[in-house]
Protein backbone atom coordinates (compact mmCIF):
# COMPACT_ATOMS: atom_id res chain seq x y z
CA MET A 1 137.84 33.73 -144.56
CA LYS A 2 135.55 30.60 -143.83
CA LYS A 3 132.51 32.56 -143.97
CA THR A 4 133.22 34.12 -147.32
CA LYS A 5 133.91 30.67 -148.56
CA VAL A 6 130.84 29.40 -147.47
CA LEU A 7 128.73 32.50 -148.84
CA LEU A 8 130.47 32.08 -152.28
CA LEU A 9 129.64 28.15 -152.21
CA ILE A 10 125.73 29.47 -151.39
CA MET A 11 125.90 31.88 -154.35
CA ALA A 12 127.45 29.09 -156.87
CA ILE A 13 124.67 26.63 -155.86
CA CYS A 14 121.97 29.06 -156.31
CA ILE A 15 123.15 30.17 -159.65
CA LEU A 16 123.46 26.20 -160.54
CA VAL A 17 119.97 25.34 -159.30
CA VAL A 18 118.16 28.34 -160.79
CA GLY A 19 119.95 27.88 -164.01
CA CYS A 20 118.91 23.93 -164.24
CA SER A 21 115.33 24.58 -162.99
CA ASN A 22 114.09 26.82 -165.42
CA THR A 23 110.95 25.55 -167.15
CA ASP A 24 109.71 26.45 -170.71
CA VAL A 25 106.09 27.36 -170.27
CA SER A 26 105.73 29.19 -173.75
CA ASN A 27 103.24 26.52 -175.06
CA GLU A 28 100.91 27.32 -172.12
CA ALA A 29 101.42 31.14 -172.12
CA SER A 30 100.46 31.09 -176.03
CA LYS A 31 96.88 30.23 -175.07
CA PRO A 32 94.44 33.05 -174.40
CA ASP A 33 93.36 33.29 -170.66
CA GLY A 34 90.48 30.75 -169.79
CA ASP A 35 90.84 29.02 -173.33
CA VAL A 36 90.38 25.00 -172.58
CA GLU A 37 90.91 22.82 -175.46
CA LYS A 38 88.09 20.39 -176.15
CA GLY A 39 88.49 17.33 -174.18
CA GLU A 40 91.24 18.74 -172.18
CA GLU A 41 90.51 18.51 -168.15
CA VAL A 42 90.51 21.40 -165.81
CA SER A 43 92.80 20.87 -162.88
CA THR A 44 91.60 22.02 -159.51
CA ASP A 45 95.17 21.82 -158.11
CA GLU A 46 95.90 25.45 -157.25
CA HIS A 47 99.38 24.77 -155.93
CA LEU A 48 102.72 26.31 -157.62
CA TYR A 49 105.32 23.68 -158.88
CA GLY A 50 108.71 24.09 -159.83
CA GLY A 51 111.75 25.83 -158.56
CA SER A 52 114.45 25.02 -156.05
CA LEU A 53 115.04 25.93 -152.55
CA VAL A 54 118.30 26.55 -151.00
CA VAL A 55 118.82 25.92 -147.29
CA ALA A 56 121.46 27.29 -145.05
CA THR A 57 121.80 24.50 -142.51
CA LYS A 58 123.94 25.10 -139.43
CA LEU A 59 124.89 21.43 -138.93
CA GLU A 60 126.37 18.76 -141.31
CA PRO A 61 124.84 15.25 -140.55
CA SER A 62 127.25 12.22 -140.01
CA SER A 63 124.65 9.79 -141.48
CA TYR A 64 121.00 10.02 -142.65
CA VAL A 65 119.79 7.28 -140.15
CA TYR A 66 119.33 8.01 -136.63
CA ASN A 67 117.50 4.69 -135.77
CA TYR A 68 120.48 3.45 -133.82
CA THR A 69 122.92 6.43 -133.27
CA TRP A 70 121.52 9.81 -132.68
CA ASP A 71 122.91 12.80 -134.33
CA GLY A 72 121.06 16.10 -134.00
CA ALA A 73 121.98 17.37 -137.57
CA ILE A 74 120.36 14.21 -139.16
CA PRO A 75 116.57 15.37 -138.96
CA TYR A 76 116.89 18.82 -140.55
CA ILE A 77 117.75 16.50 -143.93
CA ASN A 78 116.32 13.18 -143.39
CA ARG A 79 112.86 14.08 -142.49
CA ASN A 80 112.59 14.92 -146.28
CA ILE A 81 113.97 11.24 -147.14
CA PHE A 82 112.30 8.93 -144.86
CA SER A 83 108.82 8.50 -143.28
CA LYS A 84 107.34 7.28 -140.22
CA LEU A 85 104.25 5.20 -139.56
CA VAL A 86 102.59 8.14 -137.98
CA ALA A 87 103.92 11.72 -137.55
CA TYR A 88 103.15 15.01 -135.82
CA ASP A 89 101.96 17.91 -138.20
CA GLU A 90 104.38 20.76 -136.86
CA SER A 91 101.78 23.37 -137.22
CA THR A 92 99.00 21.89 -135.44
CA GLY A 93 100.67 19.53 -133.28
CA GLU A 94 98.29 16.78 -134.25
CA LEU A 95 98.98 13.32 -135.45
CA TYR A 96 98.39 12.42 -139.11
CA GLY A 97 99.34 9.16 -140.92
CA ASP A 98 102.38 8.95 -142.72
CA LEU A 99 103.11 5.34 -143.97
CA ALA A 100 100.02 4.14 -142.00
CA GLU A 101 96.81 5.41 -143.33
CA SER A 102 94.98 4.34 -139.94
CA TRP A 103 95.44 2.91 -136.57
CA SER A 104 93.52 1.61 -133.64
CA ASN A 105 94.14 -0.07 -130.24
CA SER A 106 92.69 -3.03 -128.25
CA ASP A 107 90.83 -1.96 -125.04
CA ASP A 108 93.69 -3.36 -122.78
CA LEU A 109 96.14 -1.08 -124.69
CA LYS A 110 98.38 -4.03 -125.33
CA THR A 111 97.58 -4.40 -128.91
CA TYR A 112 98.21 -1.69 -131.83
CA THR A 113 97.21 -2.13 -135.15
CA PHE A 114 98.59 0.04 -138.21
CA ASN A 115 96.82 -0.12 -141.69
CA LEU A 116 99.48 0.79 -144.26
CA ARG A 117 99.24 2.49 -147.33
CA GLN A 118 99.28 0.39 -150.72
CA ASN A 119 101.25 1.31 -153.62
CA VAL A 120 104.07 3.11 -151.87
CA LYS A 121 107.36 2.49 -153.24
CA TRP A 122 110.98 3.16 -152.14
CA HIS A 123 113.10 5.41 -153.85
CA ASP A 124 114.63 2.50 -155.74
CA GLY A 125 111.49 1.31 -157.14
CA THR A 126 110.90 -1.45 -154.64
CA PRO A 127 107.46 -1.86 -153.11
CA PHE A 128 107.15 -1.01 -149.54
CA THR A 129 105.37 -3.58 -147.48
CA SER A 130 104.61 -4.51 -143.77
CA ALA A 131 108.02 -6.38 -143.94
CA ASP A 132 109.90 -3.29 -143.89
CA VAL A 133 108.03 -2.15 -140.90
CA LYS A 134 108.52 -5.36 -139.06
CA TRP A 135 112.26 -5.53 -139.98
CA THR A 136 112.90 -2.10 -138.84
CA ILE A 137 111.16 -2.30 -135.54
CA GLU A 138 112.90 -5.67 -134.73
CA SER A 139 116.44 -4.38 -135.74
CA ILE A 140 116.26 -1.83 -133.12
CA LEU A 141 115.06 -4.15 -130.40
CA GLU A 142 117.70 -6.48 -131.51
CA TYR A 143 120.11 -3.51 -131.19
CA GLY A 144 119.32 -3.06 -127.67
CA GLU A 145 119.26 -0.10 -125.18
CA GLY A 146 121.89 1.46 -127.06
CA ALA A 147 119.94 2.13 -130.16
CA ASN A 148 118.38 5.46 -130.21
CA GLY A 149 114.85 3.91 -131.32
CA TYR A 150 115.02 1.79 -128.28
CA GLN A 151 113.27 3.72 -125.71
CA VAL A 152 110.16 4.33 -127.81
CA LEU A 153 109.84 0.77 -128.82
CA SER A 154 110.92 -0.97 -125.58
CA LEU A 155 107.32 -2.14 -124.65
CA VAL A 156 106.94 -4.16 -128.14
CA ASP A 157 107.13 -7.73 -127.69
CA GLU A 158 106.09 -8.91 -130.92
CA VAL A 159 105.64 -7.64 -134.42
CA GLU A 160 102.77 -9.45 -136.55
CA THR A 161 102.23 -8.86 -140.28
CA PRO A 162 99.09 -10.70 -141.20
CA ASP A 163 99.40 -9.18 -144.58
CA ASP A 164 101.53 -6.84 -146.66
CA TYR A 165 99.47 -3.93 -145.58
CA THR A 166 98.89 -4.63 -141.99
CA VAL A 167 101.25 -4.52 -139.01
CA VAL A 168 100.29 -5.50 -135.31
CA LEU A 169 102.26 -4.46 -132.28
CA LYS A 170 101.95 -6.84 -129.37
CA LEU A 171 102.99 -5.07 -126.08
CA LYS A 172 104.52 -6.28 -123.14
CA GLU A 173 102.55 -3.94 -120.87
CA PRO A 174 99.49 -1.73 -121.57
CA SER A 175 100.51 1.72 -123.26
CA GLY A 176 98.37 4.66 -123.86
CA VAL A 177 100.94 6.40 -125.94
CA MET A 178 102.27 3.93 -128.32
CA VAL A 179 101.20 5.78 -131.20
CA ASN A 180 102.77 8.88 -129.74
CA ASN A 181 106.09 6.97 -129.43
CA VAL A 182 105.94 5.81 -133.00
CA ALA A 183 105.59 9.53 -134.21
CA ASP A 184 108.17 10.96 -131.75
CA TYR A 185 110.84 13.25 -133.30
CA TYR A 186 113.49 11.45 -131.68
CA GLY A 187 112.32 7.91 -132.15
CA PHE A 188 113.03 6.11 -135.54
CA ASP A 189 112.12 6.03 -139.35
CA ILE A 190 111.12 2.88 -141.35
CA LEU A 191 114.01 1.54 -143.42
CA PRO A 192 114.16 -0.69 -146.43
CA LYS A 193 114.44 -4.30 -145.29
CA HIS A 194 115.80 -5.11 -148.65
CA LEU A 195 118.93 -2.98 -148.16
CA TYR A 196 119.59 -3.61 -144.40
CA GLU A 197 118.68 -7.27 -143.59
CA GLY A 198 121.85 -9.29 -143.05
CA THR A 199 124.10 -6.14 -142.87
CA ASP A 200 126.06 -4.11 -140.27
CA VAL A 201 123.53 -1.28 -139.62
CA ASP A 202 125.76 1.08 -138.24
CA ASN A 203 128.02 0.92 -141.37
CA ASN A 204 125.67 0.28 -144.01
CA PRO A 205 126.56 2.39 -147.12
CA ASN A 206 123.00 3.23 -147.35
CA ASN A 207 123.23 5.33 -144.23
CA PHE A 208 125.17 7.72 -146.31
CA LYS A 209 123.22 7.31 -149.61
CA PRO A 210 119.95 6.82 -148.05
CA ILE A 211 116.59 5.16 -149.99
CA GLY A 212 113.74 6.20 -148.38
CA THR A 213 110.00 6.68 -149.30
CA GLY A 214 109.66 10.40 -148.43
CA PRO A 215 108.91 13.47 -150.66
CA PHE A 216 112.53 14.01 -151.87
CA ILE A 217 115.09 11.55 -153.13
CA PHE A 218 118.72 11.88 -152.20
CA GLU A 219 121.04 12.69 -155.10
CA GLU A 220 124.10 13.81 -153.51
CA HIS A 221 126.28 14.90 -150.36
CA GLU A 222 129.49 16.76 -150.78
CA ILE A 223 131.37 16.79 -147.59
CA GLY A 224 131.77 20.16 -146.14
CA SER A 225 129.77 21.64 -149.03
CA HIS A 226 126.00 20.52 -149.56
CA CYS A 227 123.37 17.93 -149.83
CA LYS A 228 121.06 17.80 -152.77
CA LEU A 229 117.48 16.23 -152.74
CA ILE A 230 115.25 16.15 -155.86
CA ALA A 231 111.30 15.64 -156.12
CA ASN A 232 109.95 12.20 -155.61
CA GLU A 233 106.83 12.43 -158.12
CA ASP A 234 105.35 9.18 -156.65
CA TYR A 235 105.20 10.73 -152.96
CA PHE A 236 102.00 9.49 -151.33
CA GLY A 237 101.63 12.67 -149.28
CA ASP A 238 101.22 16.35 -149.71
CA GLY A 239 103.55 17.70 -152.21
CA PRO A 240 106.35 18.21 -153.07
CA TYR A 241 105.84 21.27 -154.97
CA LEU A 242 109.56 22.12 -155.38
CA ASP A 243 111.81 20.35 -157.92
CA GLU A 244 114.73 20.08 -155.76
CA VAL A 245 115.93 21.12 -152.20
CA VAL A 246 119.96 21.85 -151.79
CA PHE A 247 121.09 22.01 -147.94
CA VAL A 248 124.19 24.13 -147.95
CA PHE A 249 126.24 23.47 -144.59
CA THR A 250 126.70 26.83 -143.17
CA PRO A 251 128.13 26.82 -139.49
CA SER A 252 127.82 30.64 -139.07
CA GLU A 253 124.56 32.14 -138.55
CA THR A 254 125.95 35.50 -139.83
CA THR A 255 126.68 34.01 -143.07
CA ALA A 256 123.27 32.31 -143.31
CA MET A 257 121.60 35.66 -142.72
CA THR A 258 123.82 37.25 -145.28
CA SER A 259 122.78 34.64 -147.82
CA ILE A 260 118.93 34.88 -146.93
CA GLU A 261 119.20 38.80 -147.48
CA ALA A 262 121.02 38.59 -150.79
CA GLY A 263 118.41 36.04 -152.01
CA GLU A 264 120.82 33.37 -152.23
CA ALA A 265 119.15 31.04 -149.80
CA GLY A 266 115.48 30.80 -148.99
CA TRP A 267 115.43 29.49 -145.67
CA MET A 268 117.81 29.24 -142.60
CA THR A 269 117.61 26.32 -140.19
CA ALA A 270 119.31 28.00 -137.23
CA SER A 271 117.96 30.94 -135.23
CA PRO A 272 119.82 34.25 -135.66
CA ALA A 273 120.91 36.51 -132.95
CA PHE A 274 117.45 37.73 -131.38
CA ALA A 275 118.98 41.23 -131.63
CA GLU A 276 119.00 40.86 -135.32
CA ILE A 277 115.25 40.12 -135.48
CA GLU A 278 113.81 43.56 -136.04
CA ARG A 279 116.15 44.48 -138.81
CA LEU A 280 115.58 41.32 -140.42
CA LYS A 281 112.01 41.98 -140.32
CA ASN A 282 112.52 45.25 -142.22
CA ALA A 283 115.08 43.86 -144.66
CA LYS A 284 113.95 43.78 -148.44
CA GLY A 285 112.63 40.18 -149.48
CA VAL A 286 112.98 38.80 -145.92
CA ALA A 287 110.27 37.37 -143.84
CA VAL A 288 110.54 36.41 -140.02
CA ASP A 289 107.88 34.28 -138.25
CA MET A 290 108.15 33.59 -134.34
CA GLN A 291 107.14 29.88 -133.78
CA PRO A 292 106.19 28.99 -130.17
CA THR A 293 107.44 25.82 -129.27
CA SER A 294 107.87 23.25 -126.51
CA ILE A 295 111.44 23.62 -126.52
CA THR A 296 112.97 24.63 -123.20
CA GLN A 297 116.56 26.08 -122.72
CA TRP A 298 117.95 24.62 -119.66
CA MET A 299 121.07 23.70 -117.28
CA GLY A 300 121.87 20.38 -115.83
CA PHE A 301 123.89 19.48 -112.70
CA ASN A 302 126.26 16.82 -112.68
CA MET A 303 124.22 14.29 -110.48
CA ASP A 304 126.60 11.32 -110.52
CA GLY A 305 128.31 12.13 -107.13
CA SER A 306 131.62 12.98 -108.26
CA ARG A 307 131.49 16.58 -108.07
CA GLU A 308 132.15 17.97 -104.51
CA TYR A 309 129.94 21.01 -104.73
CA VAL A 310 127.04 20.37 -107.06
CA SER A 311 126.54 17.07 -105.23
CA ASP A 312 125.12 19.07 -102.26
CA PRO A 313 121.50 19.87 -102.57
CA ILE A 314 121.85 23.15 -100.89
CA VAL A 315 124.47 24.31 -103.63
CA ARG A 316 122.17 23.40 -106.26
CA GLU A 317 119.32 25.09 -104.30
CA ALA A 318 121.20 28.36 -103.93
CA ILE A 319 122.18 28.35 -107.63
CA CYS A 320 118.34 27.83 -108.33
CA TYR A 321 117.84 31.13 -106.40
CA ALA A 322 120.73 33.11 -107.57
CA LEU A 323 119.75 32.63 -111.30
CA ASP A 324 117.50 35.18 -112.96
CA ASN A 325 116.04 33.83 -116.09
CA GLU A 326 113.98 37.07 -116.61
CA GLU A 327 117.21 38.82 -117.36
CA ILE A 328 118.09 36.12 -119.97
CA ALA A 329 114.78 36.34 -121.71
CA GLU A 330 114.87 40.30 -121.75
CA LYS A 331 118.45 40.91 -122.58
CA LEU A 332 119.66 37.74 -124.53
CA TYR A 333 116.50 37.08 -126.23
CA MET A 334 115.21 40.89 -126.67
CA GLY A 335 111.97 39.85 -124.72
CA LEU A 336 110.77 37.66 -127.73
CA VAL A 337 110.65 34.44 -125.42
CA LYS A 338 109.14 33.59 -122.30
CA PRO A 339 111.53 33.09 -118.82
CA ALA A 340 110.36 29.66 -117.82
CA THR A 341 108.18 29.30 -114.72
CA SER A 342 107.20 25.56 -114.93
CA TRP A 343 109.78 22.71 -114.07
CA TYR A 344 108.22 21.33 -117.28
CA THR A 345 106.88 23.57 -119.74
CA THR A 346 103.49 25.55 -120.07
CA ILE A 347 103.13 24.71 -123.38
CA VAL A 348 101.88 21.45 -122.79
CA ASP A 349 99.01 22.81 -120.68
CA TRP A 350 97.60 19.76 -119.22
CA ALA A 351 100.93 18.34 -117.92
CA ASP A 352 102.06 21.44 -116.32
CA ASN A 353 101.77 21.61 -112.57
CA LYS A 354 100.65 25.05 -111.85
CA ASP A 355 101.14 24.59 -108.28
CA LEU A 356 104.81 24.44 -108.41
CA ARG A 357 107.05 27.23 -109.97
CA LEU A 358 110.40 27.74 -110.29
CA PRO A 359 112.04 29.92 -107.37
CA GLU A 360 112.10 33.56 -107.89
CA THR A 361 115.65 35.21 -107.87
CA ASP A 362 116.59 35.91 -104.45
CA ILE A 363 120.32 36.96 -104.10
CA GLU A 364 120.29 37.67 -100.25
CA TYR A 365 118.56 34.25 -99.70
CA ALA A 366 121.28 32.32 -102.02
CA ASN A 367 124.12 33.88 -99.97
CA LYS A 368 122.41 32.84 -96.63
CA LEU A 369 122.27 29.16 -98.00
CA LEU A 370 125.76 29.01 -98.60
CA ASP A 371 127.16 30.97 -95.68
CA ASP A 372 125.02 28.38 -93.29
CA ALA A 373 126.23 25.77 -95.11
CA GLY A 374 129.84 26.61 -94.37
CA TYR A 375 130.79 27.81 -97.79
CA GLU A 376 132.81 30.60 -96.97
CA LYS A 377 134.32 33.06 -99.56
CA GLY A 378 138.09 33.24 -99.98
CA ALA A 379 140.03 36.23 -100.16
CA ASP A 380 139.39 36.48 -104.03
CA GLY A 381 135.77 36.90 -102.94
CA TYR A 382 134.81 33.25 -104.31
CA ARG A 383 133.61 30.13 -102.31
CA PHE A 384 134.53 27.69 -105.10
CA THR A 385 134.72 27.12 -108.83
CA LEU A 386 132.42 25.28 -111.16
CA THR A 387 132.84 24.04 -114.78
CA TYR A 388 130.02 24.98 -117.12
CA ARG A 389 130.02 23.14 -120.45
CA CYS A 390 128.10 24.17 -123.74
CA PHE A 391 127.83 23.07 -127.39
CA PRO A 392 126.64 25.34 -130.05
CA THR A 393 123.35 24.24 -131.82
CA SER A 394 120.65 25.57 -133.98
CA ILE A 395 118.88 26.94 -130.88
CA PHE A 396 120.10 30.58 -130.43
CA GLY A 397 121.50 31.27 -126.88
CA THR A 398 123.05 27.85 -125.98
CA THR A 399 126.51 29.20 -125.82
CA ASP A 400 125.47 32.81 -124.67
CA ILE A 401 123.56 31.55 -121.71
CA PRO A 402 126.50 30.51 -119.61
CA LEU A 403 127.89 34.09 -119.88
CA PHE A 404 124.69 35.21 -118.04
CA VAL A 405 125.16 32.33 -115.37
CA GLN A 406 128.86 33.25 -114.85
CA GLN A 407 127.78 36.84 -114.10
CA GLN A 408 124.77 35.93 -111.97
CA LEU A 409 126.47 33.43 -109.75
CA ASP A 410 129.45 35.84 -109.41
CA ALA A 411 127.06 37.93 -107.10
CA VAL A 412 126.74 34.76 -104.57
CA GLY A 413 130.54 34.21 -104.68
CA ILE A 414 130.64 31.36 -107.24
CA LYS A 415 132.95 31.28 -110.07
CA VAL A 416 132.01 29.75 -113.00
CA GLU A 417 134.56 28.55 -115.89
CA ILE A 418 132.82 28.07 -119.22
CA GLU A 419 133.97 25.29 -121.62
CA GLN A 420 132.93 25.30 -125.12
CA TYR A 421 133.13 22.56 -127.49
CA GLU A 422 131.83 21.56 -130.87
CA TRP A 423 128.76 19.72 -130.92
CA ALA A 424 130.55 16.31 -132.55
CA LEU A 425 132.33 16.35 -129.00
CA ARG A 426 129.11 16.33 -126.64
CA THR A 427 129.16 12.64 -126.07
CA GLU A 428 132.86 12.59 -125.19
CA MET A 429 132.95 15.79 -122.96
CA LEU A 430 129.85 15.01 -121.20
CA ASP A 431 129.35 11.21 -121.07
CA ASN A 432 133.00 9.87 -121.09
CA LYS A 433 134.65 13.01 -119.28
CA ARG A 434 132.76 13.73 -116.25
CA ASP A 435 134.87 16.54 -114.86
CA TRP A 436 132.36 18.95 -115.06
CA ASP A 437 129.62 20.39 -112.82
CA LEU A 438 127.10 22.20 -115.13
CA CYS A 439 126.06 21.48 -118.71
CA ALA A 440 123.96 23.23 -121.40
CA GLY A 441 120.73 21.58 -121.97
CA GLY A 442 117.94 22.33 -124.56
CA GLY A 443 115.29 20.43 -126.70
CA ASP A 444 111.71 19.70 -127.09
CA ARG A 445 109.55 18.54 -124.06
CA GLY A 446 106.70 18.10 -126.38
CA PRO A 447 104.14 17.72 -128.01
CA ASP A 448 103.38 14.75 -125.54
CA ALA A 449 104.60 14.94 -121.99
CA SER A 450 106.08 11.66 -122.31
CA ASN A 451 108.90 13.12 -124.14
CA PHE A 452 110.27 14.80 -121.11
CA ALA A 453 111.22 11.21 -119.83
CA SER A 454 114.20 11.29 -122.30
CA TYR A 455 116.01 13.84 -119.95
CA LEU A 456 115.23 12.39 -116.48
CA LEU A 457 114.94 8.42 -117.10
CA SER A 458 117.75 6.81 -115.22
CA ASN A 459 118.73 4.79 -118.32
CA SER A 460 118.35 7.17 -120.99
CA ALA A 461 121.17 8.38 -123.12
CA SER A 462 119.86 12.11 -123.19
CA ASN A 463 120.32 12.04 -119.33
CA LYS A 464 123.66 13.54 -119.15
CA MET A 465 123.33 14.54 -115.70
CA ARG A 466 122.91 10.98 -114.66
CA TYR A 467 120.10 11.85 -112.22
CA TYR A 468 118.89 8.74 -110.88
CA ASN A 469 115.22 8.42 -109.16
CA GLU A 470 113.49 5.00 -109.13
CA GLU A 471 110.17 6.89 -108.33
CA ILE A 472 110.57 9.26 -111.30
CA ASP A 473 111.17 6.12 -113.49
CA SER A 474 108.21 4.50 -112.36
CA LEU A 475 105.93 7.65 -112.73
CA PHE A 476 106.82 8.05 -116.29
CA GLU A 477 106.05 4.37 -116.91
CA GLN A 478 102.78 4.85 -115.18
CA GLY A 479 102.00 7.93 -117.04
CA GLU A 480 102.12 6.08 -120.35
CA GLN A 481 99.66 3.08 -119.21
CA VAL A 482 96.41 5.38 -119.52
CA VAL A 483 95.25 7.39 -122.47
CA LYS A 484 93.09 10.33 -121.31
CA TYR A 485 94.97 13.68 -120.18
CA GLU A 486 93.03 13.70 -117.00
CA GLU A 487 94.37 10.43 -115.91
CA ARG A 488 97.80 10.98 -117.15
CA ALA A 489 98.46 14.34 -115.53
CA PRO A 490 99.01 13.33 -111.76
CA TYR A 491 102.10 11.18 -112.78
CA TYR A 492 103.54 14.13 -114.51
CA PHE A 493 102.60 16.46 -111.61
CA LYS A 494 104.61 14.27 -109.46
CA VAL A 495 107.55 14.11 -111.39
CA GLN A 496 107.67 17.86 -111.29
CA GLU A 497 107.23 17.74 -107.65
CA ILE A 498 110.30 15.52 -107.17
CA ILE A 499 112.41 17.38 -109.44
CA SER A 500 111.62 20.65 -107.59
CA LYS A 501 113.14 19.07 -104.57
CA ASP A 502 115.97 17.11 -106.09
CA LEU A 503 116.89 19.99 -108.60
CA PRO A 504 118.84 18.02 -111.02
CA MET A 505 118.11 20.97 -113.85
CA TYR A 506 117.07 24.76 -113.99
CA ASN A 507 115.10 25.98 -116.85
CA PHE A 508 115.79 29.30 -118.49
CA VAL A 509 113.42 30.00 -121.17
CA GLU A 510 110.63 28.67 -123.24
CA TYR A 511 112.04 28.98 -126.67
CA ALA A 512 110.26 30.38 -129.66
CA ILE A 513 112.16 29.71 -132.82
CA PRO A 514 112.67 32.81 -135.31
CA ARG A 515 112.02 31.11 -138.80
CA VAL A 516 113.82 33.45 -141.12
CA TYR A 517 112.97 32.83 -144.81
CA ASN A 518 112.96 34.51 -148.29
CA GLU A 519 109.40 35.74 -149.00
CA GLU A 520 109.51 34.11 -152.41
CA TYR A 521 108.65 30.89 -150.66
CA THR A 522 105.40 29.83 -148.85
CA GLY A 523 103.80 26.77 -147.21
CA PHE A 524 106.73 26.15 -144.59
CA PHE A 525 106.11 23.42 -141.99
CA TRP A 526 105.44 25.78 -139.22
CA GLN A 527 102.91 27.96 -141.18
CA GLU A 528 99.06 27.36 -141.02
CA ASN A 529 97.17 25.64 -143.75
CA SER A 530 100.35 24.31 -145.45
CA GLY A 531 99.56 20.58 -145.56
CA ASN A 532 100.89 17.77 -143.33
CA SER A 533 104.34 18.36 -142.87
CA ALA A 534 106.35 17.44 -139.92
CA ASN A 535 109.41 19.23 -138.37
CA HIS A 536 111.80 20.25 -140.61
CA MET A 537 110.02 19.06 -143.86
CA VAL A 538 109.83 21.08 -146.87
CA ASN A 539 107.27 19.00 -148.91
CA THR A 540 104.76 21.75 -148.60
CA VAL A 541 107.03 24.62 -149.67
CA GLU A 542 106.12 26.49 -152.63
CA TRP A 543 107.91 28.81 -154.87
CA LYS A 544 106.00 31.77 -155.74
CA GLY A 545 107.44 31.89 -159.26
CA GLY A 546 106.36 28.17 -159.95
CA ALA A 547 103.14 27.39 -161.89
CA PRO A 548 100.17 25.48 -161.42
CA LYS A 549 99.71 21.97 -163.24
């Protein structure tokens, strides 16, 4: 019943946006082809403008600002509302200037200067200046370690603004990755000082009715239904080419697929079941692109010392030998993703320690490890029971992988009880209630190797395992104090060497995202030659029924 309601909602919104976005082009059509009136400029802009895009998005955000509190649902929409100083282009992996036109650093890597774009305005018409950048960074530092953006800014000692269009970051220590930090997916966006200064940043009403500088302007959010954005005609970057974008909250992948196939949605953010991909590729009007990523699906062990069995490194080693990620890649993902071999990821080649690889499946050896350690099987055939907690996400397989783990560990006498909770309960069920042994993990480990730190640093909110290793903390810190890959690589190689012994996690697959969309649209952020667009941005998307300006 709930799926039917969501599908009807998508249909209604689709009819509404199409009806509202029809453009009268009769005056243009009345001119003979190639006939240009005297004095009329000929446009060299070949982009197609107009139309609406309905996005079936799995998660509904609790806010539109993640500088202070992280919510994985936020970036799917807010990437189109706010801007960063610098961003990563999703299709190339290269840095590009967002609010900053250019940047430079001192020889000692302790001073970074950002030259800002001029004549940029907030969506309410207020001019954007360096004061907004200074306030944003200082507010995160003042908020402290609990702020989501704190980790990427923790080295900032002072923010100087010599004029309205220059920002200088003075660092406590050298950093070769400060620009990467500023561009980080999990980092921070620039917020409007005039709307936030002197307020409670967690409860500011603009968190829910955001004012940004991005390609689209927030118009409405109807809880349980949708969020609507309209084009920012004054946007400084590429696009936007669409008139509006409507994000329809669609928890069910099946409903999202149905809406794509029916032509009622133009893109679905969640990954469909991989078993559906071949069928979708052959469906009329539907396209599927497989996008390689540095996302890894993995499993974390509870490392806080409170759990009897997984606190034993022999048990963790036996589990790693008992698991078969090749089976998971082949059966769950239909062979469309790579089984993980690296303790990090092979996608970021320069930082992958190729001398170390995950153990190959060896059930006999896993049983021997447990037998020799004294974990005897009971009358029911089990040695002990472990609790595995998982949470649905937009990455396919997060709640399916535990079923394979359950089956594979059964072969060595370990019983696995799976507990699945909604994403909104993840912090409560992993951080506050620690009565679990295994937890589902997943997320991006690139495009820079420093991003791997968020899962392993002892003070990181993303380290749900509560893994603590002072040498790991130090290595990540040292790896950020130099610039060249050949100088940085040894630190990340050593990190992998340590975790291959400590075993706080096990990697299942290197994920490729099936991007499912309607063929009536082109120029998505993952596609080549689409212009500068970061992950989840739709500023470069064009509707094929649009018209050039």
